[in-house]
Amino acid sequence: MPQFETHHRVPHSANQMFDLVADVERYPEFLPLCEALSIRSSKERDGKILLIADMTVGYKAIRETFTTQVLVNKAERFIDVKYIDGPFRYLDNRWRFEEAGDGCTIHFFIDYEFKSRILGALMGSMFDRAFRMFSEAFEKRAEAIYR
């Protein structure tokens, strides 16, 4: 039942940050723990994109792959991630991007629980730290791309 939520202001537009977060295939290049990400399917309808993606995360000798459904809504600048399969009992992740003066505010929320108590104990504290580092990783990525 770990949960993490943050609201973080960055000096980039909401559309720029949305595009950066929506580009999930690039996550292994800069996100903590993310070793691989592949898109199984992608469907577009009414300006929204629905992806099915496999993400492999690792820490030391532990590797886990999980599958999620990612709803990308550019018009409303939100991304919702729902868990399908893998080592979690559940996972709910939401992103929102709001214009804020000369930048934007990123709203990030994640709620999850591992199926295995042992895996939860091994990976849980690292996941908590990684989620806290996510906004920093995205901000550094934005700085490198949008400077």
N, C-alpha and C. Protein backbone atom coordinates (compact mmCIF):
# COMPACT_ATOMS: atom_id res chain seq x y z
N MET A 1 0.79 -1.19 0.00
CA MET A 1 0.00 0.00 0.00
C MET A 1 0.84 1.27 0.00
N PRO A 2 2.10 1.18 -0.46
CA PRO A 2 2.87 2.42 -0.56
C PRO A 2 2.21 3.36 -1.56
N GLN A 3 2.29 4.61 -1.25
CA GLN A 3 1.68 5.63 -2.08
C GLN A 3 2.62 6.84 -2.08
N PHE A 4 2.73 7.49 -3.22
CA PHE A 4 3.55 8.68 -3.31
C PHE A 4 2.86 9.68 -4.20
N GLU A 5 2.86 10.94 -3.78
CA GLU A 5 2.24 12.00 -4.56
C GLU A 5 3.09 13.25 -4.44
N THR A 6 3.26 13.93 -5.57
CA THR A 6 4.01 15.18 -5.54
C THR A 6 3.43 16.14 -6.57
N HIS A 7 3.60 17.42 -6.29
CA HIS A 7 3.24 18.49 -7.21
C HIS A 7 4.51 19.32 -7.34
N HIS A 8 5.03 19.37 -8.55
CA HIS A 8 6.35 19.95 -8.74
C HIS A 8 6.30 20.96 -9.88
N ARG A 9 6.82 22.14 -9.65
CA ARG A 9 6.84 23.18 -10.68
C ARG A 9 8.16 23.15 -11.43
N VAL A 10 8.08 23.25 -12.75
CA VAL A 10 9.28 23.24 -13.60
C VAL A 10 9.20 24.41 -14.59
N PRO A 11 10.36 24.85 -15.09
CA PRO A 11 10.37 26.00 -16.01
C PRO A 11 10.16 25.62 -17.48
N HIS A 12 9.32 24.63 -17.73
CA HIS A 12 9.01 24.19 -19.09
C HIS A 12 7.50 24.17 -19.23
N SER A 13 7.02 24.23 -20.47
CA SER A 13 5.58 24.27 -20.68
C SER A 13 4.93 22.93 -20.34
N ALA A 14 3.64 22.99 -20.09
CA ALA A 14 2.88 21.77 -19.79
C ALA A 14 2.93 20.82 -20.99
N ASN A 15 2.87 21.36 -22.20
CA ASN A 15 2.93 20.50 -23.39
C ASN A 15 4.29 19.84 -23.53
N GLN A 16 5.36 20.57 -23.25
CA GLN A 16 6.70 19.98 -23.32
C GLN A 16 6.84 18.84 -22.32
N MET A 17 6.40 19.07 -21.10
CA MET A 17 6.54 18.04 -20.07
C MET A 17 5.63 16.85 -20.35
N PHE A 18 4.44 17.13 -20.84
CA PHE A 18 3.54 16.05 -21.23
C PHE A 18 4.20 15.18 -22.29
N ASP A 19 4.75 15.81 -23.34
CA ASP A 19 5.38 15.06 -24.42
C ASP A 19 6.54 14.22 -23.90
N LEU A 20 7.30 14.76 -22.99
CA LEU A 20 8.45 14.04 -22.44
C LEU A 20 7.99 12.80 -21.66
N VAL A 21 6.97 12.95 -20.83
CA VAL A 21 6.47 11.82 -20.04
C VAL A 21 5.74 10.82 -20.93
N ALA A 22 5.05 11.29 -21.95
CA ALA A 22 4.30 10.40 -22.85
C ALA A 22 5.23 9.56 -23.73
N ASP A 23 6.49 9.95 -23.87
CA ASP A 23 7.46 9.23 -24.69
C ASP A 23 8.05 8.07 -23.88
N VAL A 24 7.20 7.12 -23.54
CA VAL A 24 7.57 6.05 -22.60
C VAL A 24 8.72 5.17 -23.10
N GLU A 25 8.87 5.03 -24.40
CA GLU A 25 9.94 4.18 -24.92
C GLU A 25 11.34 4.70 -24.58
N ARG A 26 11.44 5.96 -24.23
CA ARG A 26 12.74 6.55 -23.86
C ARG A 26 13.07 6.40 -22.37
N TYR A 27 12.15 5.92 -21.58
CA TYR A 27 12.38 5.82 -20.13
C TYR A 27 13.68 5.13 -19.75
N PRO A 28 14.06 4.03 -20.41
CA PRO A 28 15.31 3.37 -20.00
C PRO A 28 16.54 4.27 -20.12
N GLU A 29 16.45 5.33 -20.91
CA GLU A 29 17.59 6.23 -21.09
C GLU A 29 17.86 7.09 -19.87
N PHE A 30 16.84 7.31 -19.02
CA PHE A 30 17.05 8.27 -17.94
C PHE A 30 16.33 7.98 -16.62
N LEU A 31 15.42 7.05 -16.58
CA LEU A 31 14.66 6.82 -15.34
C LEU A 31 15.34 5.82 -14.42
N PRO A 32 15.39 6.11 -13.13
CA PRO A 32 15.96 5.18 -12.16
C PRO A 32 15.24 3.83 -12.20
N LEU A 33 15.98 2.77 -12.12
CA LEU A 33 15.50 1.38 -12.08
C LEU A 33 14.96 0.85 -13.41
N CYS A 34 14.62 1.71 -14.35
CA CYS A 34 14.02 1.26 -15.61
C CYS A 34 15.11 0.75 -16.55
N GLU A 35 15.08 -0.55 -16.80
CA GLU A 35 16.09 -1.17 -17.66
C GLU A 35 15.62 -1.37 -19.09
N ALA A 36 14.33 -1.56 -19.26
CA ALA A 36 13.78 -1.77 -20.61
C ALA A 36 12.30 -1.40 -20.62
N LEU A 37 11.83 -0.98 -21.79
CA LEU A 37 10.41 -0.71 -21.96
C LEU A 37 10.06 -0.99 -23.41
N SER A 38 9.04 -1.80 -23.62
CA SER A 38 8.59 -2.09 -24.98
C SER A 38 7.08 -1.92 -25.07
N ILE A 39 6.66 -1.43 -26.22
CA ILE A 39 5.24 -1.22 -26.48
C ILE A 39 4.69 -2.46 -27.19
N ARG A 40 3.73 -3.13 -26.56
CA ARG A 40 3.08 -4.28 -27.18
C ARG A 40 2.07 -3.86 -28.24
N SER A 41 1.30 -2.82 -27.90
CA SER A 41 0.29 -2.33 -28.85
C SER A 41 0.03 -0.86 -28.60
N SER A 42 -0.47 -0.21 -29.63
CA SER A 42 -0.80 1.21 -29.56
C SER A 42 -2.04 1.44 -30.42
N LYS A 43 -3.06 2.04 -29.81
CA LYS A 43 -4.30 2.35 -30.54
C LYS A 43 -4.66 3.80 -30.29
N GLU A 44 -5.07 4.48 -31.35
CA GLU A 44 -5.47 5.87 -31.22
C GLU A 44 -6.95 6.00 -31.53
N ARG A 45 -7.63 6.81 -30.69
CA ARG A 45 -9.06 7.04 -30.90
C ARG A 45 -9.46 8.35 -30.24
N ASP A 46 -10.16 9.17 -30.95
CA ASP A 46 -10.65 10.45 -30.43
C ASP A 46 -9.54 11.29 -29.81
N GLY A 47 -8.36 11.28 -30.42
CA GLY A 47 -7.25 12.09 -29.92
C GLY A 47 -6.53 11.52 -28.72
N LYS A 48 -6.93 10.32 -28.30
CA LYS A 48 -6.28 9.66 -27.17
C LYS A 48 -5.53 8.44 -27.67
N ILE A 49 -4.46 8.11 -26.99
CA ILE A 49 -3.67 6.93 -27.36
C ILE A 49 -3.72 5.95 -26.19
N LEU A 50 -3.97 4.69 -26.50
CA LEU A 50 -3.97 3.64 -25.50
C LEU A 50 -2.82 2.68 -25.83
N LEU A 51 -1.86 2.59 -24.92
CA LEU A 51 -0.70 1.73 -25.09
C LEU A 51 -0.78 0.56 -24.13
N ILE A 52 -0.26 -0.56 -24.56
CA ILE A 52 0.02 -1.68 -23.67
C ILE A 52 1.54 -1.80 -23.68
N ALA A 53 2.15 -1.68 -22.51
CA ALA A 53 3.61 -1.62 -22.44
C ALA A 53 4.16 -2.57 -21.38
N ASP A 54 5.32 -3.13 -21.67
CA ASP A 54 6.06 -3.95 -20.71
C ASP A 54 7.26 -3.14 -20.24
N MET A 55 7.41 -3.06 -18.93
CA MET A 55 8.53 -2.34 -18.35
C MET A 55 9.33 -3.29 -17.47
N THR A 56 10.65 -3.31 -17.66
CA THR A 56 11.52 -4.12 -16.82
C THR A 56 12.28 -3.20 -15.89
N VAL A 57 12.16 -3.49 -14.61
CA VAL A 57 12.88 -2.72 -13.60
C VAL A 57 13.86 -3.65 -12.90
N GLY A 58 14.94 -3.08 -12.44
CA GLY A 58 15.93 -3.90 -11.77
C GLY A 58 16.69 -3.13 -10.72
N TYR A 59 17.12 -3.89 -9.74
CA TYR A 59 17.97 -3.34 -8.69
C TYR A 59 18.88 -4.48 -8.23
N LYS A 60 20.16 -4.27 -8.41
CA LYS A 60 21.16 -5.30 -8.12
C LYS A 60 20.80 -6.57 -8.89
N ALA A 61 20.60 -7.69 -8.22
CA ALA A 61 20.34 -8.95 -8.92
C ALA A 61 18.86 -9.19 -9.20
N ILE A 62 18.00 -8.31 -8.78
CA ILE A 62 16.55 -8.50 -8.93
C ILE A 62 16.07 -7.80 -10.20
N ARG A 63 15.33 -8.52 -11.03
CA ARG A 63 14.72 -7.99 -12.25
C ARG A 63 13.26 -8.42 -12.28
N GLU A 64 12.39 -7.49 -12.57
CA GLU A 64 10.97 -7.80 -12.71
C GLU A 64 10.42 -7.06 -13.91
N THR A 65 9.52 -7.72 -14.64
CA THR A 65 8.84 -7.09 -15.76
C THR A 65 7.36 -7.06 -15.45
N PHE A 66 6.74 -5.93 -15.75
CA PHE A 66 5.30 -5.83 -15.54
C PHE A 66 4.67 -5.14 -16.74
N THR A 67 3.38 -5.40 -16.91
CA THR A 67 2.64 -4.89 -18.05
C THR A 67 1.60 -3.89 -17.56
N THR A 68 1.52 -2.77 -18.28
CA THR A 68 0.55 -1.75 -17.93
C THR A 68 -0.22 -1.29 -19.16
N GLN A 69 -1.35 -0.70 -18.89
CA GLN A 69 -2.15 -0.01 -19.90
C GLN A 69 -1.95 1.48 -19.66
N VAL A 70 -1.52 2.20 -20.69
CA VAL A 70 -1.20 3.61 -20.54
C VAL A 70 -2.16 4.41 -21.43
N LEU A 71 -2.97 5.26 -20.80
CA LEU A 71 -3.89 6.13 -21.53
C LEU A 71 -3.25 7.52 -21.61
N VAL A 72 -3.00 7.97 -22.83
CA VAL A 72 -2.34 9.25 -23.08
C VAL A 72 -3.36 10.20 -23.69
N ASN A 73 -3.68 11.27 -22.98
CA ASN A 73 -4.67 12.24 -23.44
C ASN A 73 -4.00 13.61 -23.55
N LYS A 74 -3.53 13.94 -24.74
CA LYS A 74 -2.79 15.19 -24.95
C LYS A 74 -3.69 16.41 -24.79
N ALA A 75 -4.92 16.35 -25.26
CA ALA A 75 -5.82 17.50 -25.20
C ALA A 75 -6.04 17.96 -23.76
N GLU A 76 -6.16 17.01 -22.84
CA GLU A 76 -6.39 17.35 -21.43
C GLU A 76 -5.11 17.24 -20.59
N ARG A 77 -4.00 16.90 -21.24
CA ARG A 77 -2.68 16.78 -20.62
C ARG A 77 -2.71 15.89 -19.37
N PHE A 78 -3.16 14.65 -19.58
CA PHE A 78 -3.04 13.68 -18.50
C PHE A 78 -2.63 12.33 -19.06
N ILE A 79 -1.97 11.55 -18.20
CA ILE A 79 -1.54 10.20 -18.53
C ILE A 79 -1.94 9.33 -17.35
N ASP A 80 -2.70 8.28 -17.63
CA ASP A 80 -3.13 7.34 -16.59
C ASP A 80 -2.55 5.98 -16.89
N VAL A 81 -1.95 5.36 -15.89
CA VAL A 81 -1.33 4.06 -16.04
C VAL A 81 -2.06 3.07 -15.14
N LYS A 82 -2.52 1.99 -15.73
CA LYS A 82 -3.23 0.93 -14.99
C LYS A 82 -2.46 -0.37 -15.13
N TYR A 83 -2.39 -1.11 -14.08
CA TYR A 83 -1.66 -2.36 -14.01
C TYR A 83 -2.42 -3.48 -14.70
N ILE A 84 -1.68 -4.33 -15.44
CA ILE A 84 -2.28 -5.50 -16.07
C ILE A 84 -1.71 -6.79 -15.49
N ASP A 85 -0.35 -6.91 -15.50
CA ASP A 85 0.24 -8.17 -15.07
C ASP A 85 1.67 -7.95 -14.58
N GLY A 86 2.09 -8.81 -13.65
CA GLY A 86 3.46 -8.74 -13.15
C GLY A 86 3.53 -8.95 -11.65
N PRO A 87 4.53 -8.38 -11.00
CA PRO A 87 4.78 -8.67 -9.59
C PRO A 87 3.92 -7.87 -8.60
N PHE A 88 3.04 -7.03 -9.10
CA PHE A 88 2.23 -6.21 -8.21
C PHE A 88 0.87 -6.83 -7.94
N ARG A 89 0.32 -6.52 -6.81
CA ARG A 89 -1.08 -6.82 -6.53
C ARG A 89 -1.93 -5.79 -7.27
N TYR A 90 -1.46 -4.54 -7.25
CA TYR A 90 -2.08 -3.47 -8.01
C TYR A 90 -1.07 -2.34 -8.19
N LEU A 91 -1.32 -1.51 -9.17
CA LEU A 91 -0.52 -0.32 -9.42
C LEU A 91 -1.42 0.69 -10.11
N ASP A 92 -1.44 1.89 -9.60
CA ASP A 92 -2.23 2.99 -10.16
C ASP A 92 -1.30 4.20 -10.22
N ASN A 93 -1.11 4.76 -11.41
CA ASN A 93 -0.19 5.88 -11.60
C ASN A 93 -0.87 6.93 -12.46
N ARG A 94 -0.82 8.19 -12.01
CA ARG A 94 -1.46 9.28 -12.75
C ARG A 94 -0.52 10.47 -12.86
N TRP A 95 -0.52 11.08 -14.02
CA TRP A 95 0.23 12.30 -14.29
C TRP A 95 -0.75 13.36 -14.78
N ARG A 96 -0.57 14.62 -14.31
CA ARG A 96 -1.33 15.76 -14.81
C ARG A 96 -0.34 16.91 -15.01
N PHE A 97 -0.59 17.72 -16.01
CA PHE A 97 0.32 18.83 -16.34
C PHE A 97 -0.51 20.10 -16.48
N GLU A 98 -0.21 21.11 -15.68
CA GLU A 98 -0.95 22.38 -15.70
C GLU A 98 0.00 23.53 -15.99
N GLU A 99 -0.43 24.42 -16.89
CA GLU A 99 0.35 25.64 -17.13
C GLU A 99 0.40 26.44 -15.83
N ALA A 100 1.55 27.04 -15.57
CA ALA A 100 1.72 27.83 -14.35
C ALA A 100 2.71 28.96 -14.63
N GLY A 101 2.20 30.08 -15.10
CA GLY A 101 3.08 31.22 -15.37
C GLY A 101 4.08 30.90 -16.47
N ASP A 102 5.36 30.98 -16.12
CA ASP A 102 6.41 30.74 -17.11
C ASP A 102 6.88 29.29 -17.11
N GLY A 103 6.04 28.39 -16.65
CA GLY A 103 6.38 26.97 -16.62
C GLY A 103 5.12 26.15 -16.45
N CYS A 104 5.25 25.04 -15.75
CA CYS A 104 4.07 24.22 -15.48
C CYS A 104 4.24 23.51 -14.14
N THR A 105 3.12 23.01 -13.66
CA THR A 105 3.11 22.18 -12.46
C THR A 105 2.80 20.76 -12.89
N ILE A 106 3.65 19.84 -12.45
CA ILE A 106 3.47 18.42 -12.73
C ILE A 106 2.86 17.79 -11.49
N HIS A 107 1.75 17.11 -11.68
CA HIS A 107 1.11 16.36 -10.60
C HIS A 107 1.38 14.88 -10.87
N PHE A 108 2.05 14.24 -9.93
CA PHE A 108 2.42 12.83 -10.07
C PHE A 108 1.86 12.06 -8.88
N PHE A 109 1.17 10.95 -9.16
CA PHE A 109 0.61 10.12 -8.10
C PHE A 109 0.86 8.66 -8.46
N ILE A 110 1.27 7.88 -7.45
CA ILE A 110 1.40 6.43 -7.65
C ILE A 110 0.99 5.72 -6.38
N ASP A 111 0.28 4.63 -6.57
CA ASP A 111 -0.17 3.78 -5.47
C ASP A 111 0.05 2.35 -5.94
N TYR A 112 0.72 1.54 -5.13
CA TYR A 112 1.03 0.18 -5.56
C TYR A 112 1.24 -0.74 -4.35
N GLU A 113 1.18 -2.03 -4.65
CA GLU A 113 1.51 -3.04 -3.65
C GLU A 113 2.04 -4.27 -4.38
N PHE A 114 3.15 -4.81 -3.90
CA PHE A 114 3.70 -6.03 -4.47
C PHE A 114 2.87 -7.23 -4.02
N LYS A 115 2.77 -8.26 -4.87
CA LYS A 115 2.08 -9.50 -4.50
C LYS A 115 2.84 -10.21 -3.39
N SER A 116 4.15 -10.27 -3.53
CA SER A 116 5.00 -10.99 -2.59
C SER A 116 5.51 -10.04 -1.50
N ARG A 117 5.34 -10.45 -0.26
CA ARG A 117 5.86 -9.64 0.85
C ARG A 117 7.39 -9.57 0.81
N ILE A 118 8.00 -10.66 0.38
CA ILE A 118 9.47 -10.69 0.30
C ILE A 118 9.95 -9.71 -0.76
N LEU A 119 9.34 -9.76 -1.95
CA LEU A 119 9.72 -8.83 -3.00
C LEU A 119 9.42 -7.40 -2.57
N GLY A 120 8.31 -7.22 -1.91
CA GLY A 120 7.95 -5.89 -1.40
C GLY A 120 9.00 -5.36 -0.45
N ALA A 121 9.50 -6.24 0.42
CA ALA A 121 10.54 -5.84 1.37
C ALA A 121 11.85 -5.53 0.65
N LEU A 122 12.19 -6.35 -0.36
CA LEU A 122 13.43 -6.14 -1.09
C LEU A 122 13.39 -4.90 -1.99
N MET A 123 12.30 -4.77 -2.72
CA MET A 123 12.20 -3.70 -3.71
C MET A 123 11.48 -2.46 -3.20
N GLY A 124 10.67 -2.61 -2.18
CA GLY A 124 9.81 -1.52 -1.72
C GLY A 124 10.55 -0.24 -1.39
N SER A 125 11.58 -0.31 -0.58
CA SER A 125 12.27 0.92 -0.20
C SER A 125 12.98 1.53 -1.40
N MET A 126 13.50 0.69 -2.30
CA MET A 126 14.15 1.22 -3.49
C MET A 126 13.12 1.87 -4.41
N PHE A 127 11.94 1.28 -4.55
CA PHE A 127 10.89 1.88 -5.36
C PHE A 127 10.50 3.24 -4.78
N ASP A 128 10.34 3.30 -3.47
CA ASP A 128 9.98 4.58 -2.84
C ASP A 128 11.00 5.66 -3.19
N ARG A 129 12.28 5.34 -3.08
CA ARG A 129 13.33 6.31 -3.42
C ARG A 129 13.28 6.64 -4.91
N ALA A 130 13.06 5.64 -5.74
CA ALA A 130 13.01 5.87 -7.19
C ALA A 130 11.86 6.81 -7.56
N PHE A 131 10.69 6.61 -6.97
CA PHE A 131 9.55 7.47 -7.28
C PHE A 131 9.85 8.90 -6.87
N ARG A 132 10.54 9.08 -5.76
CA ARG A 132 10.92 10.41 -5.33
C ARG A 132 11.93 11.04 -6.30
N MET A 133 12.72 10.20 -6.96
CA MET A 133 13.71 10.70 -7.92
C MET A 133 13.12 10.89 -9.32
N PHE A 134 11.93 10.35 -9.57
CA PHE A 134 11.34 10.45 -10.91
C PHE A 134 11.19 11.89 -11.37
N SER A 135 10.61 12.74 -10.53
CA SER A 135 10.40 14.12 -10.97
C SER A 135 11.73 14.79 -11.27
N GLU A 136 12.74 14.48 -10.48
CA GLU A 136 14.07 15.03 -10.74
C GLU A 136 14.63 14.50 -12.07
N ALA A 137 14.44 13.22 -12.33
CA ALA A 137 14.92 12.63 -13.58
C ALA A 137 14.22 13.25 -14.79
N PHE A 138 12.92 13.46 -14.69
CA PHE A 138 12.19 14.09 -15.79
C PHE A 138 12.61 15.54 -15.96
N GLU A 139 12.84 16.23 -14.86
CA GLU A 139 13.27 17.62 -14.94
C GLU A 139 14.66 17.73 -15.60
N LYS A 140 15.56 16.84 -15.25
CA LYS A 140 16.89 16.84 -15.88
C LYS A 140 16.77 16.52 -17.36
N ARG A 141 15.92 15.60 -17.71
CA ARG A 141 15.70 15.23 -19.11
C ARG A 141 15.14 16.43 -19.88
N ALA A 142 14.18 17.12 -19.28
CA ALA A 142 13.58 18.30 -19.92
C ALA A 142 14.64 19.38 -20.13
N GLU A 143 15.48 19.57 -19.15
CA GLU A 143 16.54 20.58 -19.26
C GLU A 143 17.47 20.26 -20.41
N ALA A 144 17.81 18.98 -20.57
CA ALA A 144 18.70 18.55 -21.65
C ALA A 144 18.04 18.72 -23.02
N ILE A 145 16.72 18.48 -23.10
CA ILE A 145 16.01 18.53 -24.39
C ILE A 145 15.55 19.94 -24.75
N TYR A 146 15.00 20.68 -23.76
CA TYR A 146 14.33 21.95 -24.05
C TYR A 146 15.15 23.20 -23.72
N ARG A 147 16.38 23.04 -23.34
CA ARG A 147 17.21 24.19 -22.99
C ARG A 147 17.09 25.32 -23.94
